[in-house]
Amino acid sequence: MPNNDLTVLDEDIFGKIVWEMDDGIVAIDVHGVITFCNPSVERLFGHSPGYLTGKPLDVLLPHRFRRNHGSHLAAFLKGSADTAYMGSRKAHILGLRADGTEVRLGATILRTQTMAGPIMVAVMRDLTERLSYQSELERLANTDPLTGIYNRRAFTDAAGQHLAEANRTGGQISLMLFDIDHFKSINDRHGHDTGDQVIRDFARIISSILQGEDIAARWGGEEFIVAMPHTGLDRAVLMAEMVRRNAEIVTFSGSAGQDLRLTISAGVVCSCAATEDLESLIKHADNALYAAKDAGRNTVTALMSHWPMPAHFALHGAIG
């Protein structure tokens, strides 16, 4: 009957496992000097065999992290935990390769005693590919596949956070809701491929006005929404009017080489009360957009919840 007691295994077997495993293993003493590393560490960081032994661990760290690293090691040595893990879907550590490039790592750090005193052992794994893959999945989950800007869900999450911050600090946030006028006729006359290209082109026009923390999303179909934190109604109206004018003067490519000229309508609102939530603010923007369409389209309409009537703006100035 086999004996499963690991204590009977030859130490050479453990050495072989450490030496041949894909994860990098590095041991450092209390002074932060590397006393051992396996070949995986040398391959991971691009150093020749034997180079790292006797070097300070700093050689594996980006320069901006070296200053405080000694205090982190000392704190870990004195702490109550014998293990620490760094590196997950939301966090990682950075290492420095021999060629000067950085590598994203997950690391399990162990503290143990030897006859020569305490040492720390780090088991490291390259997370670059995994984190890049996860980042791409998050990007795909948050963006509209046709335009590459935020989708509705991602916008709602981000704009909600901005509005909550504005409510806490007494700041302002403005919303702009855009709609391409008579878009259905474009699909009917020129086909959905042309309609998709118009959507992409208009998304680029909107993106061109974004600054700082501004965010934009495809709200649905031919509707787009923009949130501008730290922005009052006056500036938001000017930005919306810039989008309207740009859309009016740009020539869009139609089917069979035909040029398309488009107009857009927009509704603009600004948060005016700390109790206002995103749903109500979007509803005000939607009401402003409908008012723009009722005013004849190709118009920017500003609306505040306490205003008796909306204010309309077009190329020739205020019309209502």
C-alpha atoms as a PDB file:
ATOM      1  CA  MET A   1       0.000   0.000   0.000  1.00  0.00           C
ATOM      2  CA  PRO A   2       1.572   3.357  -1.014  1.00  0.00           C
ATOM      3  CA  ASN A   3       2.762   5.713   1.693  1.00  0.00           C
ATOM      4  CA  ASN A   4       1.360   9.237   1.152  1.00  0.00           C
ATOM      5  CA  ASP A   5       3.494  10.846   3.865  1.00  0.00           C
ATOM      6  CA  LEU A   6       5.419  13.618   2.060  1.00  0.00           C
ATOM      7  CA  THR A   7       8.115  13.525   4.723  1.00  0.00           C
ATOM      8  CA  VAL A   8       9.439  10.303   3.213  1.00  0.00           C
ATOM      9  CA  LEU A   9      10.017  11.911  -0.177  1.00  0.00           C
ATOM     10  CA  ASP A  10      13.552  12.778  -1.098  1.00  0.00           C
ATOM     11  CA  GLU A  11      14.383  16.496  -0.930  1.00  0.00           C
ATOM     12  CA  ASP A  12      15.633  16.239  -4.508  1.00  0.00           C
ATOM     13  CA  ILE A  13      12.039  15.746  -5.653  1.00  0.00           C
ATOM     14  CA  PHE A  14      10.975  19.063  -4.097  1.00  0.00           C
ATOM     15  CA  GLY A  15      14.040  20.703  -5.629  1.00  0.00           C
ATOM     16  CA  LYS A  16      13.104  19.314  -9.044  1.00  0.00           C
ATOM     17  CA  ILE A  17       9.555  20.631  -8.687  1.00  0.00           C
ATOM     18  CA  VAL A  18      10.782  24.120  -7.757  1.00  0.00           C
ATOM     19  CA  TRP A  19      13.415  24.110 -10.501  1.00  0.00           C
ATOM     20  CA  GLU A  20      11.123  22.993 -13.304  1.00  0.00           C
ATOM     21  CA  MET A  21       7.767  24.613 -12.449  1.00  0.00           C
ATOM     22  CA  ASP A  22       6.407  27.348 -14.718  1.00  0.00           C
ATOM     23  CA  ASP A  23       5.767  29.776 -11.869  1.00  0.00           C
ATOM     24  CA  GLY A  24       8.717  31.903 -10.878  1.00  0.00           C
ATOM     25  CA  ILE A  25      10.099  31.401  -7.384  1.00  0.00           C
ATOM     26  CA  VAL A  26      12.483  33.851  -5.768  1.00  0.00           C
ATOM     27  CA  ALA A  27      13.782  33.929  -2.184  1.00  0.00           C
ATOM     28  CA  ILE A  28      15.138  37.050  -0.485  1.00  0.00           C
ATOM     29  CA  ASP A  29      16.736  37.636   2.880  1.00  0.00           C
ATOM     30  CA  VAL A  30      15.837  40.269   5.473  1.00  0.00           C
ATOM     31  CA  HIS A  31      17.976  42.807   3.609  1.00  0.00           C
ATOM     32  CA  GLY A  32      16.033  42.341   0.390  1.00  0.00           C
ATOM     33  CA  VAL A  33      18.834  40.454  -1.373  1.00  0.00           C
ATOM     34  CA  ILE A  34      17.945  37.604  -3.717  1.00  0.00           C
ATOM     35  CA  THR A  35      19.353  34.332  -2.375  1.00  0.00           C
ATOM     36  CA  PHE A  36      17.651  32.008  -4.851  1.00  0.00           C
ATOM     37  CA  CYS A  37      15.565  32.073  -8.008  1.00  0.00           C
ATOM     38  CA  ASN A  38      14.471  29.333 -10.353  1.00  0.00           C
ATOM     39  CA  PRO A  39      14.886  29.444 -14.147  1.00  0.00           C
ATOM     40  CA  SER A  40      11.285  30.593 -14.598  1.00  0.00           C
ATOM     41  CA  VAL A  41      12.143  33.863 -12.839  1.00  0.00           C
ATOM     42  CA  GLU A  42      15.135  34.368 -15.121  1.00  0.00           C
ATOM     43  CA  ARG A  43      12.972  33.744 -18.202  1.00  0.00           C
ATOM     44  CA  LEU A  44      10.136  35.921 -16.871  1.00  0.00           C
ATOM     45  CA  PHE A  45      12.416  38.912 -16.330  1.00  0.00           C
ATOM     46  CA  GLY A  46      14.794  38.208 -19.219  1.00  0.00           C
ATOM     47  CA  HIS A  47      18.005  37.761 -17.196  1.00  0.00           C
ATOM     48  CA  SER A  48      20.784  35.306 -17.914  1.00  0.00           C
ATOM     49  CA  PRO A  49      21.212  32.253 -15.630  1.00  0.00           C
ATOM     50  CA  GLY A  50      22.791  33.107 -12.293  1.00  0.00           C
ATOM     51  CA  TYR A  51      22.666  36.876 -12.779  1.00  0.00           C
ATOM     52  CA  LEU A  52      19.988  37.615 -10.162  1.00  0.00           C
ATOM     53  CA  THR A  53      21.453  35.696  -7.226  1.00  0.00           C
ATOM     54  CA  GLY A  54      23.072  38.149  -4.821  1.00  0.00           C
ATOM     55  CA  LYS A  55      21.340  41.168  -6.379  1.00  0.00           C
ATOM     56  CA  PRO A  56      18.863  43.343  -4.458  1.00  0.00           C
ATOM     57  CA  LEU A  57      15.238  42.660  -5.265  1.00  0.00           C
ATOM     58  CA  ASP A  58      15.057  46.236  -6.542  1.00  0.00           C
ATOM     59  CA  VAL A  59      16.473  45.054  -9.889  1.00  0.00           C
ATOM     60  CA  LEU A  60      13.083  43.430 -10.532  1.00  0.00           C
ATOM     61  CA  LEU A  61      11.078  46.545  -9.623  1.00  0.00           C
ATOM     62  CA  PRO A  62      10.224  49.619 -11.711  1.00  0.00           C
ATOM     63  CA  HIS A  63      12.260  52.588 -10.456  1.00  0.00           C
ATOM     64  CA  ARG A  64       9.227  54.472  -9.155  1.00  0.00           C
ATOM     65  CA  PHE A  65       8.482  51.689  -6.659  1.00  0.00           C
ATOM     66  CA  ARG A  66      11.961  51.134  -5.273  1.00  0.00           C
ATOM     67  CA  ARG A  67      11.995  53.948  -2.749  1.00  0.00           C
ATOM     68  CA  ASN A  68       9.237  52.502  -0.553  1.00  0.00           C
ATOM     69  CA  HIS A  69       9.807  48.833  -1.151  1.00  0.00           C
ATOM     70  CA  GLY A  70      12.178  48.372   1.792  1.00  0.00           C
ATOM     71  CA  SER A  71       9.567  49.600   4.252  1.00  0.00           C
ATOM     72  CA  HIS A  72       6.965  47.260   2.736  1.00  0.00           C
ATOM     73  CA  LEU A  73       9.290  44.285   3.233  1.00  0.00           C
ATOM     74  CA  ALA A  74      10.033  45.300   6.811  1.00  0.00           C
ATOM     75  CA  ALA A  75       6.328  45.622   7.569  1.00  0.00           C
ATOM     76  CA  PHE A  76       5.646  42.170   6.145  1.00  0.00           C
ATOM     77  CA  LEU A  77       8.469  40.642   8.197  1.00  0.00           C
ATOM     78  CA  LYS A  78       7.071  42.168  11.390  1.00  0.00           C
ATOM     79  CA  GLY A  79       3.416  41.519  10.611  1.00  0.00           C
ATOM     80  CA  SER A  80       1.221  38.744  11.921  1.00  0.00           C
ATOM     81  CA  ALA A  81       0.480  37.124   8.552  1.00  0.00           C
ATOM     82  CA  ASP A  82       2.862  34.562   7.090  1.00  0.00           C
ATOM     83  CA  THR A  83       1.435  34.889   3.589  1.00  0.00           C
ATOM     84  CA  ALA A  84       0.221  37.696   1.357  1.00  0.00           C
ATOM     85  CA  TYR A  85      -1.254  37.595  -2.128  1.00  0.00           C
ATOM     86  CA  MET A  86      -1.049  40.317  -4.720  1.00  0.00           C
ATOM     87  CA  GLY A  87      -2.585  40.035  -8.147  1.00  0.00           C
ATOM     88  CA  SER A  88      -6.203  39.461  -9.137  1.00  0.00           C
ATOM     89  CA  ARG A  89      -8.790  40.633 -11.654  1.00  0.00           C
ATOM     90  CA  LYS A  90      -8.691  44.091 -10.076  1.00  0.00           C
ATOM     91  CA  ALA A  91      -5.110  44.296  -8.814  1.00  0.00           C
ATOM     92  CA  HIS A  92      -1.602  43.283  -9.783  1.00  0.00           C
ATOM     93  CA  ILE A  93       1.991  44.240  -9.144  1.00  0.00           C
ATOM     94  CA  LEU A  94       4.497  45.429 -11.713  1.00  0.00           C
ATOM     95  CA  GLY A  95       7.900  43.951 -12.386  1.00  0.00           C
ATOM     96  CA  LEU A  96      10.788  45.296 -14.484  1.00  0.00           C
ATOM     97  CA  ARG A  97      12.298  43.165 -17.205  1.00  0.00           C
ATOM     98  CA  ALA A  98      15.942  43.334 -18.223  1.00  0.00           C
ATOM     99  CA  ASP A  99      14.984  45.176 -21.439  1.00  0.00           C
ATOM    100  CA  GLY A 100      13.238  47.923 -19.447  1.00  0.00           C
ATOM    101  CA  THR A 101       9.674  46.831 -20.180  1.00  0.00           C
ATOM    102  CA  GLU A 102       7.198  46.185 -17.384  1.00  0.00           C
ATOM    103  CA  VAL A 103       5.345  42.949 -16.677  1.00  0.00           C
ATOM    104  CA  ARG A 104       2.113  42.588 -14.708  1.00  0.00           C
ATOM    105  CA  LEU A 105       2.381  39.959 -12.016  1.00  0.00           C
ATOM    106  CA  GLY A 106       0.432  38.072  -9.427  1.00  0.00           C
ATOM    107  CA  ALA A 107       2.568  37.064  -6.450  1.00  0.00           C
ATOM    108  CA  THR A 108       2.091  34.963  -3.346  1.00  0.00           C
ATOM    109  CA  ILE A 109       4.631  35.977  -0.705  1.00  0.00           C
ATOM    110  CA  LEU A 110       5.568  33.576   2.083  1.00  0.00           C
ATOM    111  CA  ARG A 111       7.524  34.270   5.245  1.00  0.00           C
ATOM    112  CA  THR A 112       9.413  31.383   6.815  1.00  0.00           C
ATOM    113  CA  GLN A 113      12.350  30.562   9.068  1.00  0.00           C
ATOM    114  CA  THR A 114      15.598  28.899   8.084  1.00  0.00           C
ATOM    115  CA  MET A 115      18.740  28.055   9.978  1.00  0.00           C
ATOM    116  CA  ALA A 116      20.214  31.278   8.600  1.00  0.00           C
ATOM    117  CA  GLY A 117      17.233  33.352   9.770  1.00  0.00           C
ATOM    118  CA  PRO A 118      13.924  34.498   8.288  1.00  0.00           C
ATOM    119  CA  ILE A 119      13.481  34.632   4.529  1.00  0.00           C
ATOM    120  CA  MET A 120      10.684  35.597   2.208  1.00  0.00           C
ATOM    121  CA  VAL A 121       9.712  33.503  -0.775  1.00  0.00           C
ATOM    122  CA  ALA A 122       7.652  34.920  -3.635  1.00  0.00           C
ATOM    123  CA  VAL A 123       5.834  32.706  -6.121  1.00  0.00           C
ATOM    124  CA  MET A 124       5.166  34.826  -9.226  1.00  0.00           C
ATOM    125  CA  ARG A 125       3.045  34.401 -12.319  1.00  0.00           C
ATOM    126  CA  ASP A 126       2.841  36.571 -15.418  1.00  0.00           C
ATOM    127  CA  LEU A 127      -0.703  38.042 -15.548  1.00  0.00           C
ATOM    128  CA  THR A 128      -0.200  40.181 -18.641  1.00  0.00           C
ATOM    129  CA  GLU A 129      -2.101  37.945 -21.046  1.00  0.00           C
ATOM    130  CA  ARG A 130      -4.880  37.179 -18.574  1.00  0.00           C
ATOM    131  CA  LEU A 131      -5.367  40.808 -17.577  1.00  0.00           C
ATOM    132  CA  SER A 132      -5.347  41.896 -21.226  1.00  0.00           C
ATOM    133  CA  TYR A 133      -7.997  39.295 -21.982  1.00  0.00           C
ATOM    134  CA  GLN A 134     -10.121  40.416 -19.040  1.00  0.00           C
ATOM    135  CA  SER A 135      -9.684  44.046 -20.033  1.00  0.00           C
ATOM    136  CA  GLU A 136     -10.875  43.223 -23.546  1.00  0.00           C
ATOM    137  CA  LEU A 137     -13.909  41.383 -22.160  1.00  0.00           C
ATOM    138  CA  GLU A 138     -14.767  44.403 -20.005  1.00  0.00           C
ATOM    139  CA  ARG A 139     -14.333  46.721 -22.977  1.00  0.00           C
ATOM    140  CA  LEU A 140     -16.658  44.587 -25.102  1.00  0.00           C
ATOM    141  CA  ALA A 141     -19.210  44.455 -22.283  1.00  0.00           C
ATOM    142  CA  ASN A 142     -19.167  48.249 -21.892  1.00  0.00           C
ATOM    143  CA  THR A 143     -19.140  49.457 -25.486  1.00  0.00           C
ATOM    144  CA  ASP A 144     -21.578  49.611 -28.343  1.00  0.00           C
ATOM    145  CA  PRO A 145     -20.273  47.238 -31.040  1.00  0.00           C
ATOM    146  CA  LEU A 146     -21.192  49.528 -33.929  1.00  0.00           C
ATOM    147  CA  THR A 147     -19.664  52.790 -32.680  1.00  0.00           C
ATOM    148  CA  GLY A 148     -17.128  51.775 -30.030  1.00  0.00           C
ATOM    149  CA  ILE A 149     -18.470  54.280 -27.491  1.00  0.00           C
ATOM    150  CA  TYR A 150     -20.250  53.362 -24.266  1.00  0.00           C
ATOM    151  CA  ASN A 151     -23.399  51.275 -24.388  1.00  0.00           C
ATOM    152  CA  ARG A 152     -26.487  52.135 -22.386  1.00  0.00           C
ATOM    153  CA  ARG A 153     -25.609  50.035 -19.325  1.00  0.00           C
ATOM    154  CA  ALA A 154     -22.051  51.337 -19.028  1.00  0.00           C
ATOM    155  CA  PHE A 155     -23.212  54.936 -19.464  1.00  0.00           C
ATOM    156  CA  THR A 156     -25.859  54.546 -16.777  1.00  0.00           C
ATOM    157  CA  ASP A 157     -23.276  53.225 -14.331  1.00  0.00           C
ATOM    158  CA  ALA A 158     -20.712  55.948 -15.053  1.00  0.00           C
ATOM    159  CA  ALA A 159     -23.166  58.846 -15.266  1.00  0.00           C
ATOM    160  CA  GLY A 160     -24.827  57.708 -12.048  1.00  0.00           C
ATOM    161  CA  GLN A 161     -21.494  57.937 -10.256  1.00  0.00           C
ATOM    162  CA  HIS A 162     -20.846  61.413 -11.664  1.00  0.00           C
ATOM    163  CA  LEU A 163     -24.313  62.586 -10.627  1.00  0.00           C
ATOM    164  CA  ALA A 164     -23.867  61.192  -7.114  1.00  0.00           C
ATOM    165  CA  GLU A 165     -20.596  63.100  -6.825  1.00  0.00           C
ATOM    166  CA  ALA A 166     -22.277  66.294  -8.063  1.00  0.00           C
ATOM    167  CA  ASN A 167     -25.048  65.845  -5.506  1.00  0.00           C
ATOM    168  CA  ARG A 168     -22.518  65.381  -2.689  1.00  0.00           C
ATOM    169  CA  THR A 169     -20.414  68.397  -3.600  1.00  0.00           C
ATOM    170  CA  GLY A 170     -23.100  70.724  -4.878  1.00  0.00           C
ATOM    171  CA  GLY A 171     -21.590  70.622  -8.359  1.00  0.00           C
ATOM    172  CA  GLN A 172     -23.323  70.498 -11.710  1.00  0.00           C
ATOM    173  CA  ILE A 173     -23.676  67.872 -14.387  1.00  0.00           C
ATOM    174  CA  SER A 174     -25.388  68.349 -17.736  1.00  0.00           C
ATOM    175  CA  LEU A 175     -26.922  65.763 -20.050  1.00  0.00           C
ATOM    176  CA  MET A 176     -27.434  66.021 -23.804  1.00  0.00           C
ATOM    177  CA  LEU A 177     -29.693  63.650 -25.698  1.00  0.00           C
ATOM    178  CA  PHE A 178     -29.267  63.613 -29.498  1.00  0.00           C
ATOM    179  CA  ASP A 179     -31.438  62.103 -32.215  1.00  0.00           C
ATOM    180  CA  ILE A 180     -30.725  61.931 -35.952  1.00  0.00           C
ATOM    181  CA  ASP A 181     -33.670  63.512 -37.730  1.00  0.00           C
ATOM    182  CA  HIS A 182     -35.655  61.281 -40.121  1.00  0.00           C
ATOM    183  CA  PHE A 183     -33.221  58.412 -39.688  1.00  0.00           C
ATOM    184  CA  LYS A 184     -35.764  55.793 -40.738  1.00  0.00           C
ATOM    185  CA  SER A 185     -35.860  57.280 -44.221  1.00  0.00           C
ATOM    186  CA  ILE A 186     -32.109  56.794 -44.520  1.00  0.00           C
ATOM    187  CA  ASN A 187     -32.442  53.073 -43.863  1.00  0.00           C
ATOM    188  CA  ASP A 188     -35.467  52.826 -46.175  1.00  0.00           C
ATOM    189  CA  ARG A 189     -33.867  54.673 -49.087  1.00  0.00           C
ATOM    190  CA  HIS A 190     -30.191  53.719 -48.774  1.00  0.00           C
ATOM    191  CA  GLY A 191     -30.159  50.482 -46.810  1.00  0.00           C
ATOM    192  CA  HIS A 192     -29.033  49.487 -43.351  1.00  0.00           C
ATOM    193  CA  ASP A 193     -25.337  49.434 -44.261  1.00  0.00           C
ATOM    194  CA  THR A 194     -25.527  53.134 -45.058  1.00  0.00           C
ATOM    195  CA  GLY A 195     -27.538  53.708 -41.907  1.00  0.00           C
ATOM    196  CA  ASP A 196     -24.855  51.965 -39.858  1.00  0.00           C
ATOM    197  CA  GLN A 197     -22.169  54.152 -41.434  1.00  0.00           C
ATOM    198  CA  VAL A 198     -24.161  57.278 -40.600  1.00  0.00           C
ATOM    199  CA  ILE A 199     -24.416  56.082 -36.986  1.00  0.00           C
ATOM    200  CA  ARG A 200     -20.641  55.558 -36.832  1.00  0.00           C
ATOM    201  CA  ASP A 201     -19.897  58.940 -38.415  1.00  0.00           C
ATOM    202  CA  PHE A 202     -22.215  60.780 -36.052  1.00  0.00           C
ATOM    203  CA  ALA A 203     -20.656  59.011 -33.063  1.00  0.00           C
ATOM    204  CA  ARG A 204     -17.301  60.438 -34.160  1.00  0.00           C
ATOM    205  CA  ILE A 205     -18.789  63.940 -34.299  1.00  0.00           C
ATOM    206  CA  ILE A 206     -20.033  63.558 -30.736  1.00  0.00           C
ATOM    207  CA  SER A 207     -16.724  62.132 -29.536  1.00  0.00           C
ATOM    208  CA  SER A 208     -14.877  65.137 -30.974  1.00  0.00           C
ATOM    209  CA  ILE A 209     -16.425  67.504 -28.387  1.00  0.00           C
ATOM    210  CA  LEU A 210     -15.714  65.378 -25.312  1.00  0.00           C
ATOM    211  CA  GLN A 211     -13.235  66.688 -22.784  1.00  0.00           C
ATOM    212  CA  GLY A 212     -12.002  65.616 -19.375  1.00  0.00           C
ATOM    213  CA  GLU A 213     -14.576  63.402 -17.647  1.00  0.00           C
ATOM    214  CA  ASP A 214     -17.239  63.785 -20.354  1.00  0.00           C
ATOM    215  CA  ILE A 215     -18.774  60.484 -21.482  1.00  0.00           C
ATOM    216  CA  ALA A 216     -20.930  59.545 -24.454  1.00  0.00           C
ATOM    217  CA  ALA A 217     -23.011  56.504 -25.330  1.00  0.00           C
ATOM    218  CA  ARG A 218     -25.266  55.165 -27.989  1.00  0.00           C
ATOM    219  CA  TRP A 219     -28.561  55.279 -26.133  1.00  0.00           C
ATOM    220  CA  GLY A 220     -30.493  53.193 -28.635  1.00  0.00           C
ATOM    221  CA  GLY A 221     -31.013  53.136 -32.396  1.00  0.00           C
ATOM    222  CA  GLU A 222     -30.166  56.609 -33.663  1.00  0.00           C
ATOM    223  CA  GLU A 223     -30.187  58.230 -30.205  1.00  0.00           C
ATOM    224  CA  PHE A 224     -27.023  59.243 -28.375  1.00  0.00           C
ATOM    225  CA  ILE A 225     -26.477  60.622 -24.893  1.00  0.00           C
ATOM    226  CA  VAL A 226     -23.654  62.691 -23.396  1.00  0.00           C
ATOM    227  CA  ALA A 227     -22.913  63.487 -19.760  1.00  0.00           C
ATOM    228  CA  MET A 228     -20.697  66.446 -18.913  1.00  0.00           C
ATOM    229  CA  PRO A 229     -19.677  66.573 -15.245  1.00  0.00           C
ATOM    230  CA  HIS A 230     -18.764  69.973 -13.782  1.00  0.00           C
ATOM    231  CA  THR A 231     -20.653  71.639 -16.625  1.00  0.00           C
ATOM    232  CA  GLY A 232     -23.501  74.130 -16.405  1.00  0.00           C
ATOM    233  CA  LEU A 233     -26.385  74.526 -18.817  1.00  0.00           C
ATOM    234  CA  ASP A 234     -24.854  77.390 -20.820  1.00  0.00           C
ATOM    235  CA  ARG A 235     -21.738  75.465 -21.830  1.00  0.00           C
ATOM    236  CA  ALA A 236     -23.721  72.272 -22.432  1.00  0.00           C
ATOM    237  CA  VAL A 237     -26.006  74.120 -24.839  1.00  0.00           C
ATOM    238  CA  LEU A 238     -22.976  75.507 -26.687  1.00  0.00           C
ATOM    239  CA  MET A 239     -21.478  72.016 -27.007  1.00  0.00           C
ATOM    240  CA  ALA A 240     -24.773  70.562 -28.220  1.00  0.00           C
ATOM    241  CA  GLU A 241     -25.097  73.393 -30.728  1.00  0.00           C
ATOM    242  CA  MET A 242     -21.572  72.622 -31.952  1.00  0.00           C
ATOM    243  CA  VAL A 243     -22.601  69.020 -32.564  1.00  0.00           C
ATOM    244  CA  ARG A 244     -25.760  70.158 -34.356  1.00  0.00           C
ATOM    245  CA  ARG A 245     -23.846  72.524 -36.636  1.00  0.00           C
ATOM    246  CA  ASN A 246     -21.138  69.969 -37.402  1.00  0.00           C
ATOM    247  CA  ALA A 247     -23.732  67.358 -38.306  1.00  0.00           C
ATOM    248  CA  GLU A 248     -25.487  69.872 -40.545  1.00  0.00           C
ATOM    249  CA  ILE A 249     -22.383  70.822 -42.540  1.00  0.00           C
ATOM    250  CA  VAL A 250     -20.749  67.385 -42.786  1.00  0.00           C
ATOM    251  CA  THR A 251     -21.432  65.326 -45.890  1.00  0.00           C
ATOM    252  CA  PHE A 252     -22.262  61.715 -45.086  1.00  0.00           C
ATOM    253  CA  SER A 253     -21.651  58.939 -47.589  1.00  0.00           C
ATOM    254  CA  GLY A 254     -24.791  57.360 -48.986  1.00  0.00           C
ATOM    255  CA  SER A 255     -25.396  54.390 -51.228  1.00  0.00           C
ATOM    256  CA  ALA A 256     -24.162  54.368 -54.825  1.00  0.00           C
ATOM    257  CA  GLY A 257     -21.830  57.285 -54.105  1.00  0.00           C
ATOM    258  CA  GLN A 258     -24.617  59.645 -53.157  1.00  0.00           C
ATOM    259  CA  ASP A 259     -23.915  62.323 -50.559  1.00  0.00           C
ATOM    260  CA  LEU A 260     -26.236  62.640 -47.586  1.00  0.00           C
ATOM    261  CA  ARG A 261     -26.948  65.798 -45.636  1.00  0.00           C
ATOM    262  CA  LEU A 262     -28.371  65.278 -42.161  1.00  0.00           C
ATOM    263  CA  THR A 263     -29.730  67.264 -39.272  1.00  0.00           C
ATOM    264  CA  ILE A 264     -30.040  66.350 -35.634  1.00  0.00           C
ATOM    265  CA  SER A 265     -32.190  67.418 -32.720  1.00  0.00           C
ATOM    266  CA  ALA A 266     -30.941  67.664 -29.151  1.00  0.00           C
ATOM    267  CA  GLY A 267     -32.328  68.065 -25.670  1.00  0.00           C
ATOM    268  CA  VAL A 268     -30.098  69.536 -22.948  1.00  0.00           C
ATOM    269  CA  VAL A 269     -30.658  69.548 -19.193  1.00  0.00           C
ATOM    270  CA  CYS A 270     -28.615  70.335 -16.118  1.00  0.00           C
ATOM    271  CA  SER A 271     -28.929  68.904 -12.617  1.00  0.00           C
ATOM    272  CA  CYS A 272     -30.375  71.550 -10.337  1.00  0.00           C
ATOM    273  CA  ALA A 273     -31.127  69.731  -7.072  1.00  0.00           C
ATOM    274  CA  ALA A 274     -29.154  67.430  -4.846  1.00  0.00           C
ATOM    275  CA  THR A 275     -32.141  65.105  -4.689  1.00  0.00           C
ATOM    276  CA  GLU A 276     -32.369  64.596  -8.440  1.00  0.00           C
ATOM    277  CA  ASP A 277     -31.565  61.105  -9.670  1.00  0.00           C
ATOM    278  CA  LEU A 278     -30.274  59.986 -13.054  1.00  0.00           C
ATOM    279  CA  GLU A 279     -33.600  58.557 -14.181  1.00  0.00           C
ATOM    280  CA  SER A 280     -35.400  61.861 -13.683  1.00  0.00           C
ATOM    281  CA  LEU A 281     -32.574  63.814 -15.307  1.00  0.00           C
ATOM    282  CA  ILE A 282     -32.682  61.580 -18.383  1.00  0.00           C
ATOM    283  CA  LYS A 283     -36.461  61.986 -18.491  1.00  0.00           C
ATOM    284  CA  HIS A 284     -36.011  65.782 -18.537  1.00  0.00           C
ATOM    285  CA  ALA A 285     -33.509  65.401 -21.398  1.00  0.00           C
ATOM    286  CA  ASP A 286     -35.983  63.223 -23.273  1.00  0.00           C
ATOM    287  CA  ASN A 287     -38.697  65.844 -22.790  1.00  0.00           C
ATOM    288  CA  ALA A 288     -36.317  68.506 -24.091  1.00  0.00           C
ATOM    289  CA  LEU A 289     -35.535  66.340 -27.125  1.00  0.00           C
ATOM    290  CA  TYR A 290     -39.224  65.916 -27.926  1.00  0.00           C
ATOM    291  CA  ALA A 291     -39.663  69.671 -27.576  1.00  0.00           C
ATOM    292  CA  ALA A 292     -36.851  70.149 -30.122  1.00  0.00           C
ATOM    293  CA  LYS A 293     -38.638  67.870 -32.565  1.00  0.00           C
ATOM    294  CA  ASP A 294     -41.947  69.637 -31.976  1.00  0.00           C
ATOM    295  CA  ALA A 295     -40.160  72.927 -32.735  1.00  0.00           C
ATOM    296  CA  GLY A 296     -39.283  71.682 -36.235  1.00  0.00           C
ATOM    297  CA  ARG A 297     -36.150  69.547 -35.645  1.00  0.00           C
ATOM    298  CA  ASN A 298     -32.566  70.632 -36.398  1.00  0.00           C
ATOM    299  CA  THR A 299     -32.747  72.363 -33.031  1.00  0.00           C
ATOM    300  CA  VAL A 300     -31.126  72.294 -29.613  1.00  0.00           C
ATOM    301  CA  THR A 301     -33.602  72.636 -26.774  1.00  0.00           C
ATOM    302  CA  ALA A 302     -32.675  73.416 -23.181  1.00  0.00           C
ATOM    303  CA  LEU A 303     -35.051  72.509 -20.398  1.00  0.00           C
ATOM    304  CA  MET A 304     -34.966  72.768 -16.619  1.00  0.00           C
ATOM    305  CA  SER A 305     -37.533  71.073 -14.422  1.00  0.00           C
ATOM    306  CA  HIS A 306     -38.599  74.426 -12.946  1.00  0.00           C
ATOM    307  CA  TRP A 307     -38.829  76.271 -16.286  1.00  0.00           C
ATOM    308  CA  PRO A 308     -42.370  76.992 -17.551  1.00  0.00           C
ATOM    309  CA  MET A 309     -41.293  76.516 -21.193  1.00  0.00           C
ATOM    310  CA  PRO A 310     -38.293  75.028 -23.031  1.00  0.00           C
ATOM    311  CA  ALA A 311     -35.760  77.284 -24.746  1.00  0.00           C
ATOM    312  CA  HIS A 312     -34.918  76.440 -28.370  1.00  0.00           C
ATOM    313  CA  PHE A 313     -31.639  77.204 -30.148  1.00  0.00           C
ATOM    314  CA  ALA A 314     -30.646  76.864 -33.796  1.00  0.00           C
ATOM    315  CA  LEU A 315     -28.018  78.221 -36.185  1.00  0.00           C
ATOM    316  CA  HIS A 316     -29.613  81.649 -36.282  1.00  0.00           C
ATOM    317  CA  GLY A 317     -29.876  81.869 -32.490  1.00  0.00           C
ATOM    318  CA  ALA A 318     -32.599  81.481 -29.889  1.00  0.00           C
ATOM    319  CA  ILE A 319     -36.032  81.018 -31.414  1.00  0.00           C
ATOM    320  CA  GLY A 320     -38.192  80.529 -28.355  1.00  0.00           C
END
